[in-house]
Every structure is written in structure tokens, then in C-alpha cells.
Amino acid sequence: MLTLFLEFPVGPYTASIWIVLIWLAILIATIFLSKIIQRLLKRYIKRPNLKIKGTRITLLRILNQIIYVSAFLLAFQAFRLEEQEIPLRLRTLLQYDIIPKFGSFHLSFMDIISIVILFAICRFIINVFRIYMERRFKDSEDFDEGSRFVYVQLAKYIVYTFAVIITLQILFENLDFLLTGSAVFLGALGFGVQNIFKDMVSGVILLFEGTIKVGDIIRVVQPSTSEEMIARVLKINVRTTKIETRDGNTLIIPNSTLTQDHVENWSFGSDLTRFNIKVGVAYGSDTELVRKLLKQAALSHPEVKKTETIIVRMNDFGNNALEMELFFWADQTWQVELHKSEIRFEIDRLFRQHNIVIPFPQRTLHVPEGIRTSNDPQD
């Protein structure tokens, strides 16, 4: 009984409690060694030629993968501490069937290791691709953080799609029944997931076209309240996009909102844009003075482009005021509404200083004599 407790099968081989302790020691030593090497590597990659965003993380991930693969090979050699009925070979362990063959499905140690190695290679390829993109285009004016994100995401989708297909080929000897069953299943499922499929297609369009990228500032209609909002794009996934509003709130919106609805991308094209501020002045005001004060208020703000023409226009003779409109040029920035507010404060100050009145609607109620209300006292 003691022997059975101290020994147990691991595939075709037998492991004892001592071997398990050795495995734990190797695992602890691997984690400790990984941290030491990472500290040493950080000193090396702080050199100027490696100061590329994301390179440090990528190199550390690749190094961790190499360390843990080496630890696995070392742990396998621990089986030599016990007498084995069959010769100790890594291929024998890997080809051992964990789940006996059932139909076209089979699962062995080799299958598990192959799948793990497959996805590790996928991560390695993506990490190398990320480093290549950052090194190749770091000095290009047309390449920014949003472009890098798009290319890396596309590489992930392509690489992992092939990885899933290869995984199915590893686990199943014949994929014909899967293809037949999936066609029927997807046909029935398609009616219920039309919106999801539409969002996924929109995500692919966003990644390929690049009209909206990570870091862009956009003006979009909020789905819940149908109100326009200004937001910064944080991440573009296959089906949804994560954005951050000026209030600091993070919203998840479907990609179809960005491809089918009217969206204004402030970061696309020229940063210089014309803005306007509307104000009403009382009838009888000196319109030339009003024009001068409005231009003065705009020119006093540091964000207003002094090289561009500032226009003051009288739109109409309103019911309560002369409707004036100030046009000025400024960069499309995250704080543009704050800049407009500061200009309005300056307009109000100048109008008060020069006795320019901003009227407001007033209503006068005339009650003809002889009409008595219900609250009037009786004679």
C-alpha cells in the first residue's frame, strides 16, 4: 500500500513522490531564474537602440517561453531516478493516449504539447512581427500608434485562425463531419446573430480601412441617449470598440455604429478646423463695436489661430435680438469646448464693459378690464 501511495503512473512511466518534489523544485527554480534574468535583461534593453515602446515586454515574453520549455525538458529527465519498465524516451511519453481514440477524435500528450507549442509559436510570431513593425516604421511620419495597432490586430486574427484550423486537424483525423455539421449549425445560427455578424464585418472594415484608429478623437451619436458626444478611441476589437468620453467614462459600442452612422473623426485629415459661437445683442446696439469686441475676444485666446481670418457675421434680425455669429480657426483638440467657453466668458466681460446688452425673451401678460379670475374677491 505504501508503494502504491508513493508511486503513480504518468502516461507510460511511473513517478514517485520524490520525482514530484523534484518537479516542484524545478518549477520554483525556473520562476526564480526567470526573475533574475528579466532584471539583467532590463538593464541591457535600456540602451538607446532598444527604447521602442513594447519591445521590452515582447523580449521578456519570448525569454519566458524559452526558459519554461527548457524546464519541461529538465523535468522529464527526473524519470531516470526510478526504474521504468520501458526505455525513457520523450517520444514515448508524448505519443501516449490520454483519451483513447473515439471515432475520429484522439488526445495524447503529443497532441497537448503540439497545441501548446503551436499557440506559443503564434505568440512568438506576433511578438516578432510587433518588434519588426516598431523598428521598421518608428521614424515614418505616416506610421503612428493607431496604424501599429491595426497591423498587429490583423496579424493576430490571421495567425490564430490558422492555429485553430491546425488544432482541429490535430485532434480529429477527419474533419468532414465537422464541416458538414458546422455548415448546418451556422446556417441556423445566422438568423439569430445577424447583428453580431454585422458588427464583426464592421470591425474588419475599420481595421483594413484605417479611417478610425486607436487614439483618434471622434464625434459620434451616443447609442443610449441619441446625443452627440466627443470620445477618444481606446481599442478596436473584432465586434466592439472601446471609447472614452470627456467625463472619463469608458463605453463599449458596436463597430457598426462607427461604419454605418455619421461619425466625425477629428484626428483624420487636417487638425485645423473652423468653429463658431452664436450670440444675440439688443436692438439699437452699435454693431460695428459688437463686431470689434467679438474679434477681440477671439484673438485674446491663445488657441485661436491668429494667421487665419476671424469673421463676425449678422445672421438675422431675430424676434428678440440681432443674431450675431463669430467664426474662428483652431486645432481640433480634446478641450476645444473648454476653449469656446473661455471665449464666451471674455465676450460677456467685454460686453459688460462697453454696455452691450445680451437680451433674453420676455413675455408681458395683459388682462382686459372686466375679466375676473377665480381668485378675485367677490364684490
Protein backbone atom coordinates (compact mmCIF):
# COMPACT_ATOMS: atom_id res chain seq x y z
CA MET A 1 0.00 0.00 0.00
CA LEU A 2 2.85 2.41 0.81
CA THR A 3 4.43 1.69 -2.56
CA LEU A 4 1.15 2.44 -4.34
CA PHE A 5 0.89 5.69 -2.42
CA LEU A 6 4.43 6.75 -3.23
CA GLU A 7 4.28 5.73 -6.90
CA PHE A 8 1.69 6.57 -9.53
CA PRO A 9 1.58 6.35 -13.32
CA VAL A 10 2.29 9.35 -15.53
CA GLY A 11 1.47 8.12 -19.01
CA PRO A 12 3.61 5.05 -19.76
CA TYR A 13 6.05 5.82 -16.94
CA THR A 14 5.95 5.66 -13.17
CA ALA A 15 6.61 8.65 -10.93
CA SER A 16 7.23 8.69 -7.22
CA ILE A 17 6.70 11.36 -4.62
CA TRP A 18 10.40 12.23 -4.89
CA ILE A 19 10.06 12.93 -8.57
CA VAL A 20 7.12 15.22 -7.82
CA LEU A 21 9.25 17.09 -5.29
CA ILE A 22 11.96 17.47 -7.89
CA TRP A 23 9.38 18.86 -10.32
CA LEU A 24 8.27 21.41 -7.73
CA ALA A 25 11.91 22.37 -7.09
CA ILE A 26 12.49 22.81 -10.84
CA LEU A 27 9.35 24.95 -11.10
CA ILE A 28 10.40 27.18 -8.20
CA ALA A 29 13.94 27.47 -9.56
CA THR A 30 12.58 28.32 -13.02
CA ILE A 31 10.41 31.13 -11.66
CA PHE A 32 13.32 32.46 -9.60
CA LEU A 33 15.72 32.23 -12.55
CA SER A 34 13.21 33.95 -14.82
CA LYS A 35 13.01 36.94 -12.49
CA ILE A 36 16.80 37.23 -12.23
CA ILE A 37 17.26 37.08 -16.00
CA GLN A 38 14.49 39.64 -16.50
CA ARG A 39 16.27 42.08 -14.18
CA LEU A 40 19.54 41.60 -16.04
CA LEU A 41 17.81 41.94 -19.38
CA LYS A 42 16.09 45.17 -18.36
CA ARG A 43 19.49 46.78 -17.85
CA TYR A 44 20.55 45.74 -21.34
CA ILE A 45 17.39 46.80 -23.17
CA LYS A 46 17.53 50.26 -21.65
CA ARG A 47 20.13 51.07 -24.28
CA PRO A 48 19.04 53.80 -26.74
CA ASN A 49 18.67 51.46 -29.71
CA LEU A 50 16.12 49.36 -27.84
CA LYS A 51 13.97 52.16 -26.47
CA ILE A 52 10.96 51.23 -28.55
CA LYS A 53 7.56 51.02 -26.95
CA GLY A 54 6.54 47.38 -26.47
CA THR A 55 9.96 45.89 -27.31
CA ARG A 56 10.86 45.25 -23.68
CA ILE A 57 7.65 43.36 -22.96
CA THR A 58 7.98 41.34 -26.16
CA LEU A 59 11.55 40.26 -25.43
CA LEU A 60 10.66 39.26 -21.88
CA ARG A 61 7.75 37.13 -23.11
CA ILE A 62 9.98 35.34 -25.63
CA LEU A 63 12.59 34.73 -22.93
CA ASN A 64 9.99 33.29 -20.54
CA GLN A 65 8.81 30.85 -23.19
CA ILE A 66 12.36 29.59 -23.76
CA ILE A 67 13.01 29.21 -20.02
CA TYR A 68 9.85 27.19 -19.35
CA VAL A 69 10.40 24.89 -22.33
CA SER A 70 13.90 24.16 -21.02
CA ALA A 71 12.45 23.49 -17.55
CA PHE A 72 10.00 20.96 -19.03
CA LEU A 73 12.81 19.04 -20.75
CA LEU A 74 14.78 19.01 -17.49
CA ALA A 75 11.77 17.79 -15.52
CA PHE A 76 11.31 14.91 -17.94
CA GLN A 77 14.78 13.66 -17.11
CA ALA A 78 13.67 13.18 -13.49
CA PHE A 79 12.01 9.91 -14.55
CA ARG A 80 15.51 8.40 -14.65
CA LEU A 81 15.55 8.37 -10.84
CA GLU A 82 13.09 5.44 -10.91
CA GLU A 83 13.38 2.16 -12.75
CA GLN A 84 11.00 2.19 -15.72
CA GLU A 85 9.55 -0.81 -17.50
CA ILE A 86 10.16 0.75 -20.91
CA PRO A 87 13.09 2.85 -22.13
CA LEU A 88 12.87 6.53 -21.24
CA ARG A 89 12.12 8.40 -24.42
CA LEU A 90 10.35 11.69 -24.82
CA ARG A 91 8.57 10.44 -27.94
CA THR A 92 7.08 7.52 -25.98
CA LEU A 93 5.61 9.88 -23.41
CA LEU A 94 4.29 12.28 -26.00
CA GLN A 95 2.62 9.55 -28.07
CA TYR A 96 0.79 8.10 -25.06
CA ASP A 97 -3.01 8.42 -25.49
CA ILE A 98 -4.59 10.25 -22.59
CA ILE A 99 -8.05 9.70 -24.08
CA PRO A 100 -8.35 6.55 -26.21
CA LYS A 101 -9.39 7.02 -29.80
CA PHE A 102 -13.11 7.74 -30.01
CA GLY A 103 -14.36 7.94 -33.56
CA SER A 104 -12.10 10.39 -35.33
CA PHE A 105 -11.16 12.16 -32.07
CA HIS A 106 -7.96 11.35 -30.18
CA LEU A 107 -5.92 13.10 -27.50
CA SER A 108 -2.37 12.31 -26.46
CA PHE A 109 0.43 14.07 -24.66
CA MET A 110 1.86 14.83 -28.08
CA ASP A 111 -1.40 16.49 -29.10
CA ILE A 112 -1.44 18.68 -25.97
CA ILE A 113 2.22 19.62 -26.35
CA SER A 114 1.72 20.29 -30.07
CA ILE A 115 -1.22 22.60 -29.39
CA VAL A 116 0.66 24.44 -26.64
CA ILE A 117 3.74 24.78 -28.86
CA LEU A 118 1.52 25.86 -31.76
CA PHE A 119 -0.01 28.75 -29.81
CA ALA A 120 3.39 29.60 -28.29
CA ILE A 121 4.78 29.85 -31.82
CA CYS A 122 1.81 32.04 -32.75
CA ARG A 123 2.59 34.39 -29.89
CA PHE A 124 6.25 34.34 -30.88
CA ILE A 125 5.40 35.24 -34.47
CA ILE A 126 3.12 38.08 -33.37
CA ASN A 127 5.74 39.39 -30.94
CA VAL A 128 8.42 39.31 -33.62
CA PHE A 129 6.03 41.00 -36.04
CA ARG A 130 5.32 43.72 -33.46
CA ILE A 131 9.05 44.37 -32.99
CA TYR A 132 9.58 44.43 -36.75
CA MET A 133 6.78 46.97 -37.24
CA GLU A 134 8.10 49.21 -34.49
CA ARG A 135 11.69 49.06 -35.74
CA ARG A 136 10.78 49.35 -39.42
CA PHE A 137 8.37 52.29 -39.19
CA LYS A 138 9.34 54.08 -35.96
CA ASP A 139 10.74 57.04 -37.92
CA SER A 140 7.96 57.16 -40.52
CA GLU A 141 5.67 60.20 -40.38
CA ASP A 142 2.72 58.19 -41.76
CA PHE A 143 3.03 55.47 -39.11
CA ASP A 144 1.53 56.07 -35.68
CA GLU A 145 0.23 54.11 -32.70
CA GLY A 146 -3.13 53.53 -34.36
CA SER A 147 -1.53 52.09 -37.50
CA ARG A 148 0.67 49.79 -35.45
CA PHE A 149 -2.37 48.54 -33.54
CA VAL A 150 -4.26 47.81 -36.77
CA TYR A 151 -1.44 45.78 -38.32
CA VAL A 152 -0.82 43.81 -35.13
CA GLN A 153 -4.54 43.03 -34.72
CA LEU A 154 -4.80 41.82 -38.31
CA ALA A 155 -1.75 39.63 -37.79
CA LYS A 156 -3.35 38.16 -34.65
CA TYR A 157 -6.59 37.31 -36.44
CA ILE A 158 -4.81 35.66 -39.36
CA VAL A 159 -2.28 33.71 -37.27
CA TYR A 160 -4.78 32.48 -34.67
CA THR A 161 -7.31 31.49 -37.34
CA PHE A 162 -4.74 29.17 -38.90
CA ALA A 163 -3.83 27.95 -35.39
CA VAL A 164 -7.42 26.93 -34.68
CA ILE A 165 -7.68 25.10 -38.01
CA ILE A 166 -4.43 23.22 -37.34
CA THR A 167 -5.63 22.39 -33.79
CA LEU A 168 -8.77 20.77 -35.18
CA GLN A 169 -6.67 18.77 -37.62
CA ILE A 170 -4.52 17.56 -34.72
CA LEU A 171 -7.49 16.44 -32.61
CA PHE A 172 -9.61 14.97 -35.42
CA GLU A 173 -8.42 12.63 -38.13
CA ASN A 174 -11.37 13.52 -40.36
CA LEU A 175 -12.90 16.99 -40.43
CA ASP A 176 -15.66 16.22 -42.96
CA PHE A 177 -18.31 15.69 -40.32
CA LEU A 178 -17.28 18.93 -38.59
CA LEU A 179 -17.55 20.90 -41.81
CA THR A 180 -20.96 19.40 -42.60
CA GLY A 181 -22.29 19.94 -39.09
CA SER A 182 -20.88 23.46 -38.81
CA ALA A 183 -22.50 24.48 -42.11
CA VAL A 184 -25.93 23.43 -40.86
CA PHE A 185 -25.31 24.96 -37.43
CA LEU A 186 -24.03 28.25 -38.79
CA GLY A 187 -26.93 28.46 -41.22
CA ALA A 188 -29.43 28.15 -38.37
CA LEU A 189 -27.40 30.41 -36.11
CA GLY A 190 -27.01 33.10 -38.74
CA PHE A 191 -30.63 34.20 -38.42
CA GLY A 192 -30.15 34.95 -34.73
CA VAL A 193 -26.75 36.60 -34.87
CA GLN A 194 -27.15 38.93 -37.83
CA ASN A 195 -26.27 41.97 -35.74
CA ILE A 196 -23.20 40.27 -34.29
CA PHE A 197 -22.03 39.28 -37.77
CA LYS A 198 -22.65 42.83 -38.96
CA ASP A 199 -20.51 44.20 -36.13
CA MET A 200 -17.72 41.72 -36.92
CA VAL A 201 -17.71 42.72 -40.60
CA SER A 202 -17.62 46.36 -39.49
CA GLY A 203 -14.63 45.58 -37.27
CA VAL A 204 -12.74 44.10 -40.21
CA ILE A 205 -13.60 47.19 -42.28
CA LEU A 206 -12.30 49.50 -39.55
CA LEU A 207 -9.05 47.56 -39.26
CA PHE A 208 -8.46 47.43 -43.02
CA GLU A 209 -9.51 50.97 -43.98
CA GLY A 210 -7.88 52.71 -41.04
CA THR A 211 -10.32 55.64 -41.18
CA ILE A 212 -10.77 55.34 -37.41
CA LYS A 213 -7.76 54.23 -35.38
CA VAL A 214 -6.73 53.89 -31.76
CA GLY A 215 -6.08 57.31 -30.26
CA ASP A 216 -8.37 59.19 -32.66
CA ILE A 217 -10.86 61.73 -31.29
CA ILE A 218 -14.31 61.26 -32.80
CA ARG A 219 -17.75 62.81 -32.54
CA VAL A 220 -20.43 60.13 -32.54
CA VAL A 221 -24.05 59.72 -31.51
CA GLN A 222 -24.40 58.01 -28.14
CA PRO A 223 -26.46 54.82 -28.66
CA SER A 224 -28.36 55.03 -25.35
CA THR A 225 -29.43 58.71 -25.43
CA SER A 226 -29.04 59.56 -29.15
CA GLU A 227 -26.96 62.57 -28.13
CA GLU A 228 -23.71 63.60 -29.78
CA MET A 229 -20.57 63.04 -27.73
CA ILE A 230 -16.85 63.57 -28.14
CA ALA A 231 -14.75 60.49 -27.34
CA ARG A 232 -11.26 59.05 -27.73
CA VAL A 233 -10.84 55.58 -29.27
CA LEU A 234 -9.07 53.27 -26.82
CA LYS A 235 -9.27 49.87 -28.54
CA ILE A 236 -10.83 48.34 -31.64
CA ASN A 237 -11.82 44.68 -31.32
CA VAL A 238 -13.46 42.35 -33.82
CA ARG A 239 -17.03 43.14 -32.73
CA THR A 240 -16.86 46.18 -30.43
CA THR A 241 -14.87 49.35 -29.91
CA LYS A 242 -13.86 50.79 -26.54
CA ILE A 243 -14.05 54.59 -26.29
CA GLU A 244 -13.50 57.13 -23.50
CA THR A 245 -15.72 60.20 -23.15
CA ARG A 246 -14.71 63.61 -21.82
CA ASP A 247 -16.31 62.69 -18.49
CA GLY A 248 -13.82 59.83 -18.11
CA ASN A 249 -16.44 57.16 -18.74
CA THR A 250 -15.46 54.12 -20.81
CA LEU A 251 -18.11 52.92 -23.25
CA ILE A 252 -18.30 49.76 -25.35
CA ILE A 253 -20.08 50.43 -28.64
CA PRO A 254 -20.70 48.08 -31.59
CA ASN A 255 -18.44 48.56 -34.59
CA SER A 256 -21.42 49.06 -36.88
CA THR A 257 -22.03 52.39 -35.11
CA LEU A 258 -18.72 53.66 -36.47
CA THR A 259 -19.23 52.39 -40.03
CA GLN A 260 -22.95 52.99 -40.66
CA ASP A 261 -23.74 56.10 -38.60
CA HIS A 262 -22.44 59.60 -39.20
CA VAL A 263 -19.10 59.85 -37.40
CA GLU A 264 -16.76 62.83 -37.50
CA ASN A 265 -13.10 61.95 -36.98
CA TRP A 266 -11.29 64.97 -35.62
CA SER A 267 -7.91 63.26 -35.97
CA PHE A 268 -8.40 62.42 -39.65
CA GLY A 269 -7.03 64.92 -42.13
CA SER A 270 -6.21 68.48 -41.14
CA ASP A 271 -6.23 69.37 -37.44
CA LEU A 272 -7.19 72.97 -38.19
CA THR A 273 -10.97 73.49 -38.11
CA ARG A 274 -13.32 76.48 -38.08
CA PHE A 275 -15.55 76.87 -35.03
CA ASN A 276 -18.40 79.26 -34.35
CA ILE A 277 -20.02 80.96 -31.36
CA LYS A 278 -23.50 82.46 -31.58
CA VAL A 279 -24.62 85.46 -29.52
CA GLY A 280 -27.52 87.92 -29.59
CA VAL A 281 -27.33 91.67 -28.92
CA ALA A 282 -30.12 94.09 -28.22
CA TYR A 283 -31.66 96.18 -31.00
CA GLY A 284 -30.04 99.60 -31.11
CA SER A 285 -26.56 98.29 -30.20
CA ASP A 286 -23.54 99.61 -32.08
CA THR A 287 -22.99 96.70 -34.48
CA GLU A 288 -19.53 97.87 -35.50
CA LEU A 289 -18.49 97.91 -31.84
CA VAL A 290 -20.02 94.46 -31.41
CA ARG A 291 -18.01 93.20 -34.38
CA LYS A 292 -14.81 94.67 -32.91
CA LEU A 293 -15.41 93.19 -29.43
CA LEU A 294 -16.17 89.71 -30.78
CA LYS A 295 -12.93 89.68 -32.78
CA GLN A 296 -11.04 90.98 -29.76
CA ALA A 297 -12.43 88.16 -27.60
CA ALA A 298 -11.38 85.53 -30.14
CA LEU A 299 -7.88 86.97 -30.62
CA SER A 300 -7.30 87.08 -26.86
CA HIS A 301 -7.42 83.27 -26.62
CA PRO A 302 -4.04 81.54 -27.17
CA GLU A 303 -5.54 78.54 -29.02
CA VAL A 304 -7.13 80.65 -31.76
CA LYS A 305 -5.02 80.76 -34.93
CA LYS A 306 -4.04 84.39 -35.43
CA THR A 307 -2.92 83.73 -39.01
CA GLU A 308 -6.44 82.76 -40.09
CA THR A 309 -9.25 85.21 -40.80
CA ILE A 310 -11.73 85.82 -38.00
CA ILE A 311 -15.23 86.58 -39.26
CA VAL A 312 -18.20 88.18 -37.48
CA ARG A 313 -21.50 87.74 -39.30
CA MET A 314 -25.00 89.03 -38.61
CA ASN A 315 -27.24 86.07 -39.32
CA ASP A 316 -30.69 87.60 -38.95
CA PHE A 317 -32.95 90.13 -37.27
CA GLY A 318 -34.38 87.87 -34.58
CA ASN A 319 -37.53 88.28 -32.56
CA ASN A 320 -35.62 89.42 -29.50
CA ALA A 321 -32.11 90.32 -30.69
CA LEU A 322 -29.72 90.86 -33.53
CA GLU A 323 -28.32 87.37 -34.14
CA MET A 324 -24.52 87.57 -34.43
CA GLU A 325 -22.08 84.71 -35.10
CA LEU A 326 -18.31 84.59 -34.51
CA PHE A 327 -16.13 82.32 -36.68
CA PHE A 328 -12.54 81.46 -35.76
CA TRP A 329 -9.97 78.77 -36.56
CA ALA A 330 -8.36 76.41 -34.01
CA ASP A 331 -6.99 72.88 -33.73
CA GLN A 332 -9.40 70.01 -33.14
CA THR A 333 -8.37 69.22 -29.58
CA TRP A 334 -9.84 67.27 -26.69
CA GLN A 335 -10.51 70.57 -24.84
CA VAL A 336 -11.99 72.60 -27.70
CA GLU A 337 -15.33 73.07 -25.90
CA LEU A 338 -13.44 74.47 -22.91
CA HIS A 339 -11.70 76.94 -25.22
CA LYS A 340 -15.04 78.07 -26.63
CA SER A 341 -16.35 78.52 -23.09
CA GLU A 342 -13.38 80.73 -22.20
CA ILE A 343 -14.05 82.89 -25.27
CA ARG A 344 -17.70 83.25 -24.21
CA PHE A 345 -16.55 84.44 -20.76
CA GLU A 346 -14.38 87.06 -22.47
CA ILE A 347 -17.29 88.14 -24.70
CA ASP A 348 -19.51 88.60 -21.65
CA ARG A 349 -16.81 90.66 -19.89
CA LEU A 350 -16.25 92.93 -22.90
CA PHE A 351 -19.99 93.42 -23.46
CA ARG A 352 -20.47 94.43 -19.82
CA GLN A 353 -17.51 96.82 -20.05
CA HIS A 354 -18.96 98.56 -23.15
CA ASN A 355 -22.63 98.35 -22.10
CA ILE A 356 -23.60 95.91 -24.83
CA VAL A 357 -26.80 94.16 -23.74
CA ILE A 358 -27.47 90.49 -24.45
CA PRO A 359 -31.29 90.34 -24.39
CA PHE A 360 -33.47 87.44 -23.36
CA PRO A 361 -37.06 86.62 -24.30
CA GLN A 362 -39.70 88.40 -22.19
CA ARG A 363 -43.45 88.00 -22.24
CA THR A 364 -45.97 90.53 -20.96
CA LEU A 365 -49.44 89.37 -19.97
CA HIS A 366 -52.26 91.92 -20.48
CA VAL A 367 -55.59 91.20 -18.75
CA PRO A 368 -58.53 93.20 -20.17
CA GLU A 369 -60.59 95.11 -17.64
CA GLY A 370 -63.81 93.45 -16.62
CA ILE A 371 -62.41 89.89 -16.75
CA ARG A 372 -62.41 88.39 -13.27
CA THR A 373 -60.35 85.37 -12.31
CA SER A 374 -61.48 82.64 -9.91
CA ASN A 375 -59.20 84.06 -7.16
CA ASP A 376 -60.54 87.62 -7.31
CA PRO A 377 -62.61 88.60 -4.22
CA GLN A 378 -66.39 88.91 -4.74
CA ASP A 379 -67.91 92.38 -4.55
